[in-house]
């Protein structure tokens, strides 16, 4: 299955940095826009794959969900 995500890419000095807001932890950098885009694709794929594996691994115990508040 293929999904589309919006990436934000910013030029900082000689580097481009990028992130995908919809996928927490998906950050990368590159010397070119193409490089940071490819790096972000890989980061998103790895994060989503890891999440999928964790969900399907069959937790050893009870799973709890709680809302937490964080001061930002």
N, C-alpha and C. Protein backbone atom coordinates (compact mmCIF):
# COMPACT_ATOMS: atom_id res chain seq x y z
N UNK A 1 0.84 -1.17 0.00
CA UNK A 1 0.00 0.00 0.00
C UNK A 1 0.89 1.24 0.00
N UNK A 2 0.47 2.24 -0.72
CA UNK A 2 1.24 3.48 -0.79
C UNK A 2 0.44 4.61 -0.17
N UNK A 3 1.09 5.43 0.63
CA UNK A 3 0.47 6.59 1.26
C UNK A 3 1.26 7.83 0.89
N UNK A 4 0.61 8.97 0.93
CA UNK A 4 1.26 10.24 0.65
C UNK A 4 1.30 11.06 1.93
N UNK A 5 2.45 11.63 2.22
CA UNK A 5 2.64 12.47 3.40
C UNK A 5 3.22 13.80 2.95
N UNK A 6 2.92 14.85 3.69
CA UNK A 6 3.49 16.16 3.38
C UNK A 6 4.74 16.37 4.22
N UNK A 7 5.82 16.69 3.55
CA UNK A 7 7.09 16.96 4.22
C UNK A 7 7.35 18.46 4.21
N UNK A 8 7.93 18.94 5.28
CA UNK A 8 8.38 20.32 5.35
C UNK A 8 9.90 20.30 5.22
N UNK A 9 10.41 21.09 4.30
CA UNK A 9 11.86 21.13 4.06
C UNK A 9 12.31 22.58 4.16
N UNK A 10 13.39 22.77 4.91
CA UNK A 10 13.91 24.10 5.17
C UNK A 10 15.40 24.15 4.83
N UNK A 11 15.82 25.23 4.22
CA UNK A 11 17.25 25.41 3.91
C UNK A 11 17.90 26.10 5.10
N UNK A 12 18.95 25.48 5.64
CA UNK A 12 19.71 26.07 6.74
C UNK A 12 21.19 25.98 6.40
N UNK A 13 21.75 27.12 6.14
CA UNK A 13 23.15 27.20 5.71
C UNK A 13 23.35 26.32 4.48
N UNK A 14 24.21 25.31 4.58
CA UNK A 14 24.50 24.44 3.43
C UNK A 14 23.66 23.17 3.43
N UNK A 15 22.77 23.02 4.40
CA UNK A 15 21.98 21.81 4.55
C UNK A 15 20.50 22.10 4.37
N UNK A 16 19.79 21.08 3.96
CA UNK A 16 18.33 21.10 3.99
C UNK A 16 17.92 20.18 5.13
N UNK A 17 16.97 20.61 5.92
CA UNK A 17 16.44 19.74 6.96
C UNK A 17 14.96 19.54 6.65
N UNK A 18 14.45 18.40 7.04
CA UNK A 18 13.06 18.11 6.74
C UNK A 18 12.42 17.26 7.80
N UNK A 19 11.10 17.32 7.85
CA UNK A 19 10.34 16.51 8.79
C UNK A 19 8.95 16.27 8.23
N UNK A 20 8.28 15.26 8.79
CA UNK A 20 6.92 14.92 8.41
C UNK A 20 6.08 15.02 9.67
N UNK A 21 5.24 16.05 9.76
CA UNK A 21 4.45 16.28 10.97
C UNK A 21 3.54 15.10 11.31
N UNK A 22 3.02 14.42 10.30
CA UNK A 22 2.07 13.32 10.53
C UNK A 22 2.73 12.07 11.09
N UNK A 23 4.06 12.03 11.07
CA UNK A 23 4.79 10.85 11.56
C UNK A 23 5.82 11.33 12.59
N UNK A 24 5.45 11.33 13.87
CA UNK A 24 6.39 11.78 14.90
C UNK A 24 7.72 11.03 14.83
N UNK A 25 8.79 11.79 14.87
CA UNK A 25 10.12 11.19 14.81
C UNK A 25 10.71 11.14 13.42
N UNK A 26 9.94 11.50 12.41
CA UNK A 26 10.44 11.46 11.03
C UNK A 26 11.13 12.79 10.70
N UNK A 27 12.42 12.83 10.96
CA UNK A 27 13.26 14.00 10.69
C UNK A 27 14.46 13.53 9.88
N UNK A 28 15.01 14.41 9.05
CA UNK A 28 16.22 14.06 8.34
C UNK A 28 16.88 15.33 7.81
N UNK A 29 18.02 15.14 7.18
CA UNK A 29 18.73 16.24 6.56
C UNK A 29 19.43 15.74 5.31
N UNK A 30 19.85 16.67 4.48
CA UNK A 30 20.58 16.31 3.27
C UNK A 30 21.20 17.53 2.65
N UNK A 31 22.16 17.32 1.78
CA UNK A 31 22.83 18.43 1.08
C UNK A 31 21.95 18.99 -0.04
N UNK A 32 21.02 18.17 -0.54
CA UNK A 32 20.11 18.60 -1.61
C UNK A 32 18.68 18.29 -1.19
N UNK A 33 17.73 18.93 -1.88
CA UNK A 33 16.32 18.65 -1.61
C UNK A 33 16.02 17.18 -1.91
N UNK A 34 16.54 16.69 -3.01
CA UNK A 34 16.31 15.29 -3.39
C UNK A 34 16.83 14.35 -2.29
N UNK A 35 18.01 14.63 -1.76
CA UNK A 35 18.59 13.78 -0.72
C UNK A 35 17.73 13.78 0.55
N UNK A 36 17.27 14.95 0.97
CA UNK A 36 16.46 14.99 2.19
C UNK A 36 15.11 14.31 1.95
N UNK A 37 14.55 14.43 0.74
CA UNK A 37 13.30 13.73 0.43
C UNK A 37 13.48 12.22 0.51
N UNK A 38 14.55 11.71 -0.06
CA UNK A 38 14.81 10.27 -0.02
C UNK A 38 15.04 9.80 1.42
N UNK A 39 15.78 10.60 2.19
CA UNK A 39 16.02 10.26 3.59
C UNK A 39 14.72 10.23 4.38
N UNK A 40 13.83 11.20 4.12
CA UNK A 40 12.54 11.23 4.80
C UNK A 40 11.67 10.04 4.43
N UNK A 41 11.69 9.65 3.17
CA UNK A 41 10.92 8.47 2.75
C UNK A 41 11.37 7.25 3.54
N UNK A 42 12.69 7.08 3.64
CA UNK A 42 13.23 5.94 4.38
C UNK A 42 12.86 6.03 5.86
N UNK A 43 12.95 7.21 6.45
CA UNK A 43 12.61 7.37 7.86
C UNK A 43 11.14 7.02 8.11
N UNK A 44 10.25 7.52 7.27
CA UNK A 44 8.82 7.24 7.43
C UNK A 44 8.56 5.74 7.27
N UNK A 45 9.15 5.12 6.27
CA UNK A 45 8.97 3.69 6.06
C UNK A 45 9.42 2.89 7.28
N UNK A 46 10.58 3.22 7.82
CA UNK A 46 11.10 2.49 8.98
C UNK A 46 10.23 2.69 10.21
N UNK A 47 9.77 3.91 10.44
CA UNK A 47 8.92 4.18 11.60
C UNK A 47 7.60 3.42 11.48
N UNK A 48 6.96 3.49 10.32
CA UNK A 48 5.68 2.82 10.14
C UNK A 48 5.83 1.29 10.21
N UNK A 49 6.91 0.78 9.65
CA UNK A 49 7.18 -0.66 9.71
C UNK A 49 7.36 -1.11 11.16
N UNK A 50 8.11 -0.35 11.93
CA UNK A 50 8.34 -0.68 13.34
C UNK A 50 7.03 -0.64 14.12
N UNK A 51 6.21 0.38 13.88
CA UNK A 51 4.93 0.47 14.57
C UNK A 51 4.04 -0.73 14.23
N UNK A 52 4.00 -1.11 12.96
CA UNK A 52 3.19 -2.25 12.51
C UNK A 52 3.67 -3.53 13.18
N UNK A 53 4.99 -3.74 13.24
CA UNK A 53 5.54 -4.93 13.87
C UNK A 53 5.22 -4.97 15.36
N UNK A 54 5.30 -3.83 16.02
CA UNK A 54 5.01 -3.79 17.45
C UNK A 54 3.54 -4.11 17.72
N UNK A 55 2.64 -3.61 16.87
CA UNK A 55 1.21 -3.89 17.05
C UNK A 55 0.90 -5.36 16.82
N UNK A 56 1.57 -5.98 15.87
CA UNK A 56 1.24 -7.36 15.51
C UNK A 56 2.04 -8.40 16.28
N UNK A 57 2.98 -7.97 17.12
CA UNK A 57 3.85 -8.92 17.81
C UNK A 57 3.14 -9.65 18.95
N UNK A 58 1.94 -9.23 19.28
CA UNK A 58 1.23 -9.90 20.36
C UNK A 58 1.85 -9.54 21.69
N UNK A 59 1.35 -8.51 22.30
CA UNK A 59 1.90 -8.06 23.58
C UNK A 59 1.83 -9.16 24.62
N UNK A 60 2.81 -9.19 25.47
CA UNK A 60 2.90 -10.22 26.50
C UNK A 60 1.94 -9.97 27.66
N UNK A 61 1.37 -8.79 27.73
CA UNK A 61 0.50 -8.48 28.86
C UNK A 61 -0.63 -7.57 28.45
N UNK A 62 -1.27 -7.01 29.44
CA UNK A 62 -2.40 -6.14 29.23
C UNK A 62 -1.93 -4.82 28.61
N UNK A 63 -2.69 -4.33 27.66
CA UNK A 63 -2.36 -3.06 27.00
C UNK A 63 -3.28 -1.98 27.56
N UNK A 64 -2.70 -0.92 28.05
CA UNK A 64 -3.45 0.20 28.60
C UNK A 64 -3.24 1.43 27.75
N UNK A 65 -4.29 2.22 27.62
CA UNK A 65 -4.18 3.50 26.91
C UNK A 65 -4.60 4.60 27.86
N UNK A 66 -3.80 5.61 27.97
CA UNK A 66 -4.07 6.73 28.86
C UNK A 66 -3.74 8.03 28.14
N UNK A 67 -4.52 9.05 28.42
CA UNK A 67 -4.21 10.37 27.91
C UNK A 67 -3.27 11.05 28.90
N UNK A 68 -2.28 11.73 28.38
CA UNK A 68 -1.35 12.46 29.24
C UNK A 68 -1.31 13.91 28.79
N UNK A 69 -1.06 14.80 29.70
CA UNK A 69 -0.94 16.22 29.37
C UNK A 69 0.52 16.64 29.53
N UNK A 70 0.97 17.43 28.56
CA UNK A 70 2.35 17.89 28.55
C UNK A 70 2.34 19.41 28.38
N UNK A 71 3.07 20.09 29.20
CA UNK A 71 3.19 21.55 29.11
C UNK A 71 4.19 21.88 28.01
N UNK A 72 3.77 22.68 27.03
CA UNK A 72 4.67 23.06 25.92
C UNK A 72 4.77 24.56 25.80
